[in-house]
């Protein structure tokens, strides 16, 4: 004879196991969504600016290849509606045309044109730049007195470009960190500066640990 409630308990156990199994596939999605949400909340740009930066980048990445074809290699980075252009183009006319067309994209407020008149960079050079960018980001994360999420890092031919909304102290510290990374030839700061008071009052979640 079965004990009272045994079938009910067994059924509940089976149901719970099935539910856990079905939810396991959702865990990465939940974690991924939470991570992206956390990163967005730590960003010193408004959510609107973050969305517009993504839109600007997508539009520019569709537009620019049509302008340069095989005669150039252009990278686009948008931060707080300011667009950084790096890479290589055939001549000064092409350089000016790319800047003009990108400036015409909706919501772009400024263009920093760092395009070089030269042949497209090699795969080896681009791979080296990617490694440098990763190492600079990693070094910023290790520095606990600044918020690494407040910086955008772009590397082109060994030159590191730093973008972000930071204080003078944070910007100088980040630049010194970048300079110490192997392979870095030069560091260019493209910052929107905040005062220390603005940092403490407006962005308490991303304020540095110690001033």
C-alpha atoms as a PDB file:
ATOM      1  CA  UNK A   1       0.000   0.000   0.000  1.00  0.00           C
ATOM      2  CA  UNK A   2       1.269   3.449  -0.862  1.00  0.00           C
ATOM      3  CA  UNK A   3       1.723   5.912   1.924  1.00  0.00           C
ATOM      4  CA  UNK A   4      -0.737   8.836   1.862  1.00  0.00           C
ATOM      5  CA  UNK A   5       0.520  11.718  -0.222  1.00  0.00           C
ATOM      6  CA  UNK A   6       3.440   9.769  -1.756  1.00  0.00           C
ATOM      7  CA  UNK A   7       2.079   9.997  -5.318  1.00  0.00           C
ATOM      8  CA  UNK A   8       1.401  13.689  -4.884  1.00  0.00           C
ATOM      9  CA  UNK A   9       4.907  14.356  -3.556  1.00  0.00           C
ATOM     10  CA  UNK A  10       6.484  12.348  -6.372  1.00  0.00           C
ATOM     11  CA  UNK A  11       4.476  14.231  -8.960  1.00  0.00           C
ATOM     12  CA  UNK A  12       5.577  17.544  -7.497  1.00  0.00           C
ATOM     13  CA  UNK A  13       9.225  16.455  -7.567  1.00  0.00           C
ATOM     14  CA  UNK A  14       8.991  15.422 -11.219  1.00  0.00           C
ATOM     15  CA  UNK A  15       7.277  18.692 -12.120  1.00  0.00           C
ATOM     16  CA  UNK A  16       9.948  20.743 -10.351  1.00  0.00           C
ATOM     17  CA  UNK A  17      12.734  18.829 -12.106  1.00  0.00           C
ATOM     18  CA  UNK A  18      11.085  19.440 -15.457  1.00  0.00           C
ATOM     19  CA  UNK A  19      10.699  23.129 -14.759  1.00  0.00           C
ATOM     20  CA  UNK A  20      14.336  23.494 -13.700  1.00  0.00           C
ATOM     21  CA  UNK A  21      15.451  21.701 -16.837  1.00  0.00           C
ATOM     22  CA  UNK A  22      13.375  23.953 -19.054  1.00  0.00           C
ATOM     23  CA  UNK A  23      14.662  27.085 -17.331  1.00  0.00           C
ATOM     24  CA  UNK A  24      18.342  26.198 -17.635  1.00  0.00           C
ATOM     25  CA  UNK A  25      18.396  27.355 -21.237  1.00  0.00           C
ATOM     26  CA  UNK A  26      17.016  30.704 -20.143  1.00  0.00           C
ATOM     27  CA  UNK A  27      19.710  31.349 -17.533  1.00  0.00           C
ATOM     28  CA  UNK A  28      22.334  32.684 -20.009  1.00  0.00           C
ATOM     29  CA  UNK A  29      19.722  34.991 -21.505  1.00  0.00           C
ATOM     30  CA  UNK A  30      18.740  36.315 -18.105  1.00  0.00           C
ATOM     31  CA  UNK A  31      22.348  36.797 -17.040  1.00  0.00           C
ATOM     32  CA  UNK A  32      23.257  38.381 -20.369  1.00  0.00           C
ATOM     33  CA  UNK A  33      20.341  40.775 -20.174  1.00  0.00           C
ATOM     34  CA  UNK A  34      21.213  41.701 -16.603  1.00  0.00           C
ATOM     35  CA  UNK A  35      24.840  42.313 -17.556  1.00  0.00           C
ATOM     36  CA  UNK A  36      23.861  44.588 -20.435  1.00  0.00           C
ATOM     37  CA  UNK A  37      21.416  46.426 -18.214  1.00  0.00           C
ATOM     38  CA  UNK A  38      24.093  46.925 -15.565  1.00  0.00           C
ATOM     39  CA  UNK A  39      26.577  48.209 -18.147  1.00  0.00           C
ATOM     40  CA  UNK A  40      24.021  50.658 -19.516  1.00  0.00           C
ATOM     41  CA  UNK A  41      23.206  51.958 -16.036  1.00  0.00           C
ATOM     42  CA  UNK A  42      26.916  52.524 -15.299  1.00  0.00           C
ATOM     43  CA  UNK A  43      27.418  54.469 -18.533  1.00  0.00           C
ATOM     44  CA  UNK A  44      27.626  58.234 -18.024  1.00  0.00           C
ATOM     45  CA  UNK A  45      25.693  58.869 -21.225  1.00  0.00           C
ATOM     46  CA  UNK A  46      21.917  59.036 -21.026  1.00  0.00           C
ATOM     47  CA  UNK A  47      20.033  56.022 -22.343  1.00  0.00           C
ATOM     48  CA  UNK A  48      18.890  58.216 -25.203  1.00  0.00           C
ATOM     49  CA  UNK A  49      22.471  59.089 -26.122  1.00  0.00           C
ATOM     50  CA  UNK A  50      23.517  55.434 -25.927  1.00  0.00           C
ATOM     51  CA  UNK A  51      20.708  54.484 -28.304  1.00  0.00           C
ATOM     52  CA  UNK A  52      21.522  57.316 -30.697  1.00  0.00           C
ATOM     53  CA  UNK A  53      25.230  56.375 -30.676  1.00  0.00           C
ATOM     54  CA  UNK A  54      24.325  52.845 -31.757  1.00  0.00           C
ATOM     55  CA  UNK A  55      22.065  54.206 -34.502  1.00  0.00           C
ATOM     56  CA  UNK A  56      24.732  56.643 -35.708  1.00  0.00           C
ATOM     57  CA  UNK A  57      27.335  53.882 -35.837  1.00  0.00           C
ATOM     58  CA  UNK A  58      25.083  51.545 -37.820  1.00  0.00           C
ATOM     59  CA  UNK A  59      24.146  54.266 -40.322  1.00  0.00           C
ATOM     60  CA  UNK A  60      27.769  55.347 -40.765  1.00  0.00           C
ATOM     61  CA  UNK A  61      28.947  51.757 -41.223  1.00  0.00           C
ATOM     62  CA  UNK A  62      26.433  51.366 -44.042  1.00  0.00           C
ATOM     63  CA  UNK A  63      27.226  54.736 -45.632  1.00  0.00           C
ATOM     64  CA  UNK A  64      31.031  54.954 -45.492  1.00  0.00           C
ATOM     65  CA  UNK A  65      31.932  51.786 -47.453  1.00  0.00           C
ATOM     66  CA  UNK A  66      29.890  53.165 -50.357  1.00  0.00           C
ATOM     67  CA  UNK A  67      32.044  56.306 -50.269  1.00  0.00           C
ATOM     68  CA  UNK A  68      35.481  54.702 -50.067  1.00  0.00           C
ATOM     69  CA  UNK A  69      35.074  51.294 -51.708  1.00  0.00           C
ATOM     70  CA  UNK A  70      38.352  49.389 -51.865  1.00  0.00           C
ATOM     71  CA  UNK A  71      40.341  52.618 -51.713  1.00  0.00           C
ATOM     72  CA  UNK A  72      40.023  53.016 -47.970  1.00  0.00           C
ATOM     73  CA  UNK A  73      39.446  51.457 -44.588  1.00  0.00           C
ATOM     74  CA  UNK A  74      37.426  53.521 -42.120  1.00  0.00           C
ATOM     75  CA  UNK A  75      36.466  52.790 -38.518  1.00  0.00           C
ATOM     76  CA  UNK A  76      33.584  54.640 -36.843  1.00  0.00           C
ATOM     77  CA  UNK A  77      33.175  55.210 -33.115  1.00  0.00           C
ATOM     78  CA  UNK A  78      30.329  57.332 -31.729  1.00  0.00           C
ATOM     79  CA  UNK A  79      30.264  58.535 -28.129  1.00  0.00           C
ATOM     80  CA  UNK A  80      27.622  60.965 -26.879  1.00  0.00           C
ATOM     81  CA  UNK A  81      26.824  61.828 -30.519  1.00  0.00           C
ATOM     82  CA  UNK A  82      30.445  62.737 -31.327  1.00  0.00           C
ATOM     83  CA  UNK A  83      31.886  60.573 -34.101  1.00  0.00           C
ATOM     84  CA  UNK A  84      35.533  59.567 -34.298  1.00  0.00           C
ATOM     85  CA  UNK A  85      36.762  58.570 -37.762  1.00  0.00           C
ATOM     86  CA  UNK A  86      39.994  56.568 -37.952  1.00  0.00           C
ATOM     87  CA  UNK A  87      41.636  54.526 -40.669  1.00  0.00           C
ATOM     88  CA  UNK A  88      42.953  55.278 -44.142  1.00  0.00           C
ATOM     89  CA  UNK A  89      41.580  56.893 -47.299  1.00  0.00           C
ATOM     90  CA  UNK A  90      42.949  57.479 -50.807  1.00  0.00           C
ATOM     91  CA  UNK A  91      43.248  61.278 -50.758  1.00  0.00           C
ATOM     92  CA  UNK A  92      42.234  64.521 -49.027  1.00  0.00           C
ATOM     93  CA  UNK A  93      39.094  64.802 -51.148  1.00  0.00           C
ATOM     94  CA  UNK A  94      37.872  61.415 -49.951  1.00  0.00           C
ATOM     95  CA  UNK A  95      38.755  62.313 -46.372  1.00  0.00           C
ATOM     96  CA  UNK A  96      36.688  65.498 -46.571  1.00  0.00           C
ATOM     97  CA  UNK A  97      33.781  63.734 -48.280  1.00  0.00           C
ATOM     98  CA  UNK A  98      33.582  61.018 -45.596  1.00  0.00           C
ATOM     99  CA  UNK A  99      33.540  63.663 -42.868  1.00  0.00           C
ATOM    100  CA  UNK A 100      30.868  65.705 -44.635  1.00  0.00           C
ATOM    101  CA  UNK A 101      28.563  62.733 -45.169  1.00  0.00           C
ATOM    102  CA  UNK A 102      28.962  61.419 -41.623  1.00  0.00           C
ATOM    103  CA  UNK A 103      28.341  64.888 -40.228  1.00  0.00           C
ATOM    104  CA  UNK A 104      25.013  64.841 -42.059  1.00  0.00           C
ATOM    105  CA  UNK A 105      23.753  61.756 -40.204  1.00  0.00           C
ATOM    106  CA  UNK A 106      20.876  62.521 -37.860  1.00  0.00           C
ATOM    107  CA  UNK A 107      21.887  63.385 -34.264  1.00  0.00           C
ATOM    108  CA  UNK A 108      25.633  63.745 -34.996  1.00  0.00           C
ATOM    109  CA  UNK A 109      26.867  66.866 -33.167  1.00  0.00           C
ATOM    110  CA  UNK A 110      30.576  66.689 -34.046  1.00  0.00           C
ATOM    111  CA  UNK A 111      33.069  64.709 -36.114  1.00  0.00           C
ATOM    112  CA  UNK A 112      36.672  64.125 -35.107  1.00  0.00           C
ATOM    113  CA  UNK A 113      38.408  63.281 -38.371  1.00  0.00           C
ATOM    114  CA  UNK A 114      41.590  61.290 -37.726  1.00  0.00           C
ATOM    115  CA  UNK A 115      41.651  59.615 -41.137  1.00  0.00           C
ATOM    116  CA  UNK A 116      45.093  59.247 -42.703  1.00  0.00           C
ATOM    117  CA  UNK A 117      45.789  59.581 -46.421  1.00  0.00           C
ATOM    118  CA  UNK A 118      47.432  56.208 -46.978  1.00  0.00           C
ATOM    119  CA  UNK A 119      46.814  52.708 -48.235  1.00  0.00           C
ATOM    120  CA  UNK A 120      44.532  50.444 -46.180  1.00  0.00           C
ATOM    121  CA  UNK A 121      46.244  48.986 -43.106  1.00  0.00           C
ATOM    122  CA  UNK A 122      47.276  45.325 -43.121  1.00  0.00           C
ATOM    123  CA  UNK A 123      45.517  42.509 -41.316  1.00  0.00           C
ATOM    124  CA  UNK A 124      48.556  42.231 -39.030  1.00  0.00           C
ATOM    125  CA  UNK A 125      48.294  45.899 -38.103  1.00  0.00           C
ATOM    126  CA  UNK A 126      44.574  45.631 -37.371  1.00  0.00           C
ATOM    127  CA  UNK A 127      45.097  42.523 -35.275  1.00  0.00           C
ATOM    128  CA  UNK A 128      47.788  44.314 -33.278  1.00  0.00           C
ATOM    129  CA  UNK A 129      45.427  47.263 -32.734  1.00  0.00           C
ATOM    130  CA  UNK A 130      42.700  44.906 -31.469  1.00  0.00           C
ATOM    131  CA  UNK A 131      45.117  43.378 -28.971  1.00  0.00           C
ATOM    132  CA  UNK A 132      46.202  46.816 -27.768  1.00  0.00           C
ATOM    133  CA  UNK A 133      42.576  47.894 -27.313  1.00  0.00           C
ATOM    134  CA  UNK A 134      41.867  44.782 -25.228  1.00  0.00           C
ATOM    135  CA  UNK A 135      44.969  45.325 -23.098  1.00  0.00           C
ATOM    136  CA  UNK A 136      44.130  48.983 -22.489  1.00  0.00           C
ATOM    137  CA  UNK A 137      40.572  48.090 -21.450  1.00  0.00           C
ATOM    138  CA  UNK A 138      41.901  45.401 -19.145  1.00  0.00           C
ATOM    139  CA  UNK A 139      44.351  47.825 -17.549  1.00  0.00           C
ATOM    140  CA  UNK A 140      41.562  50.356 -16.962  1.00  0.00           C
ATOM    141  CA  UNK A 141      39.450  47.680 -15.263  1.00  0.00           C
ATOM    142  CA  UNK A 142      42.349  46.840 -12.940  1.00  0.00           C
ATOM    143  CA  UNK A 143      42.653  50.478 -11.849  1.00  0.00           C
ATOM    144  CA  UNK A 144      40.073  50.583  -9.054  1.00  0.00           C
ATOM    145  CA  UNK A 145      40.105  54.371  -8.578  1.00  0.00           C
ATOM    146  CA  UNK A 146      38.413  55.061 -11.924  1.00  0.00           C
ATOM    147  CA  UNK A 147      35.353  53.663 -13.668  1.00  0.00           C
ATOM    148  CA  UNK A 148      36.446  51.653 -16.726  1.00  0.00           C
ATOM    149  CA  UNK A 149      32.872  51.729 -18.082  1.00  0.00           C
ATOM    150  CA  UNK A 150      33.202  55.501 -18.501  1.00  0.00           C
ATOM    151  CA  UNK A 151      35.804  55.137 -21.268  1.00  0.00           C
ATOM    152  CA  UNK A 152      35.590  54.143 -24.928  1.00  0.00           C
ATOM    153  CA  UNK A 153      38.882  52.870 -26.357  1.00  0.00           C
ATOM    154  CA  UNK A 154      39.785  52.902 -30.060  1.00  0.00           C
ATOM    155  CA  UNK A 155      43.189  51.948 -31.485  1.00  0.00           C
ATOM    156  CA  UNK A 156      44.459  52.719 -34.981  1.00  0.00           C
ATOM    157  CA  UNK A 157      48.027  51.988 -36.130  1.00  0.00           C
ATOM    158  CA  UNK A 158      49.265  51.967 -32.542  1.00  0.00           C
ATOM    159  CA  UNK A 159      47.552  55.236 -31.582  1.00  0.00           C
ATOM    160  CA  UNK A 160      45.020  54.896 -28.776  1.00  0.00           C
ATOM    161  CA  UNK A 161      42.035  57.237 -28.738  1.00  0.00           C
ATOM    162  CA  UNK A 162      40.209  57.640 -25.432  1.00  0.00           C
ATOM    163  CA  UNK A 163      36.640  58.934 -25.366  1.00  0.00           C
ATOM    164  CA  UNK A 164      34.310  59.456 -22.420  1.00  0.00           C
ATOM    165  CA  UNK A 165      32.689  61.784 -19.913  1.00  0.00           C
ATOM    166  CA  UNK A 166      35.337  62.027 -17.203  1.00  0.00           C
ATOM    167  CA  UNK A 167      37.070  64.412 -14.850  1.00  0.00           C
ATOM    168  CA  UNK A 168      40.481  65.848 -15.685  1.00  0.00           C
ATOM    169  CA  UNK A 169      41.988  63.557 -13.049  1.00  0.00           C
ATOM    170  CA  UNK A 170      40.332  60.461 -14.484  1.00  0.00           C
ATOM    171  CA  UNK A 171      41.326  61.392 -18.030  1.00  0.00           C
ATOM    172  CA  UNK A 172      44.970  61.979 -17.137  1.00  0.00           C
ATOM    173  CA  UNK A 173      45.141  58.736 -15.172  1.00  0.00           C
ATOM    174  CA  UNK A 174      43.564  56.737 -18.012  1.00  0.00           C
ATOM    175  CA  UNK A 175      45.969  58.294 -20.537  1.00  0.00           C
ATOM    176  CA  UNK A 176      48.962  57.353 -18.391  1.00  0.00           C
ATOM    177  CA  UNK A 177      47.637  53.809 -18.055  1.00  0.00           C
ATOM    178  CA  UNK A 178      47.192  53.545 -21.828  1.00  0.00           C
ATOM    179  CA  UNK A 179      50.709  54.851 -22.469  1.00  0.00           C
ATOM    180  CA  UNK A 180      52.142  52.060 -20.337  1.00  0.00           C
ATOM    181  CA  UNK A 181      50.557  49.317 -22.471  1.00  0.00           C
ATOM    182  CA  UNK A 182      52.943  47.514 -24.801  1.00  0.00           C
ATOM    183  CA  UNK A 183      52.663  48.559 -28.449  1.00  0.00           C
ATOM    184  CA  UNK A 184      51.035  51.942 -27.798  1.00  0.00           C
ATOM    185  CA  UNK A 185      52.727  54.649 -29.877  1.00  0.00           C
ATOM    186  CA  UNK A 186      50.568  57.613 -28.888  1.00  0.00           C
ATOM    187  CA  UNK A 187      47.488  58.453 -26.804  1.00  0.00           C
ATOM    188  CA  UNK A 188      44.880  60.980 -27.935  1.00  0.00           C
ATOM    189  CA  UNK A 189      42.315  62.217 -25.403  1.00  0.00           C
ATOM    190  CA  UNK A 190      38.854  63.050 -26.758  1.00  0.00           C
ATOM    191  CA  UNK A 191      36.985  63.724 -23.534  1.00  0.00           C
ATOM    192  CA  UNK A 192      34.004  65.689 -22.291  1.00  0.00           C
ATOM    193  CA  UNK A 193      35.249  66.921 -18.949  1.00  0.00           C
ATOM    194  CA  UNK A 194      33.209  66.923 -15.751  1.00  0.00           C
ATOM    195  CA  UNK A 195      34.096  68.623 -12.502  1.00  0.00           C
ATOM    196  CA  UNK A 196      34.703  66.461  -9.443  1.00  0.00           C
ATOM    197  CA  UNK A 197      31.501  67.882  -7.956  1.00  0.00           C
ATOM    198  CA  UNK A 198      29.475  66.898 -11.040  1.00  0.00           C
ATOM    199  CA  UNK A 199      30.945  63.416 -10.815  1.00  0.00           C
ATOM    200  CA  UNK A 200      29.933  62.995  -7.162  1.00  0.00           C
ATOM    201  CA  UNK A 201      26.435  64.419  -7.519  1.00  0.00           C
ATOM    202  CA  UNK A 202      25.381  63.292 -11.005  1.00  0.00           C
ATOM    203  CA  UNK A 203      27.139  59.924 -11.290  1.00  0.00           C
ATOM    204  CA  UNK A 204      27.545  58.488  -7.779  1.00  0.00           C
ATOM    205  CA  UNK A 205      27.500  54.899  -9.103  1.00  0.00           C
ATOM    206  CA  UNK A 206      30.555  55.511 -11.291  1.00  0.00           C
ATOM    207  CA  UNK A 207      32.469  57.813  -8.984  1.00  0.00           C
ATOM    208  CA  UNK A 208      35.978  56.724  -8.147  1.00  0.00           C
ATOM    209  CA  UNK A 209      36.654  54.834  -4.929  1.00  0.00           C
ATOM    210  CA  UNK A 210      39.032  57.424  -3.522  1.00  0.00           C
ATOM    211  CA  UNK A 211      39.599  61.030  -4.542  1.00  0.00           C
END
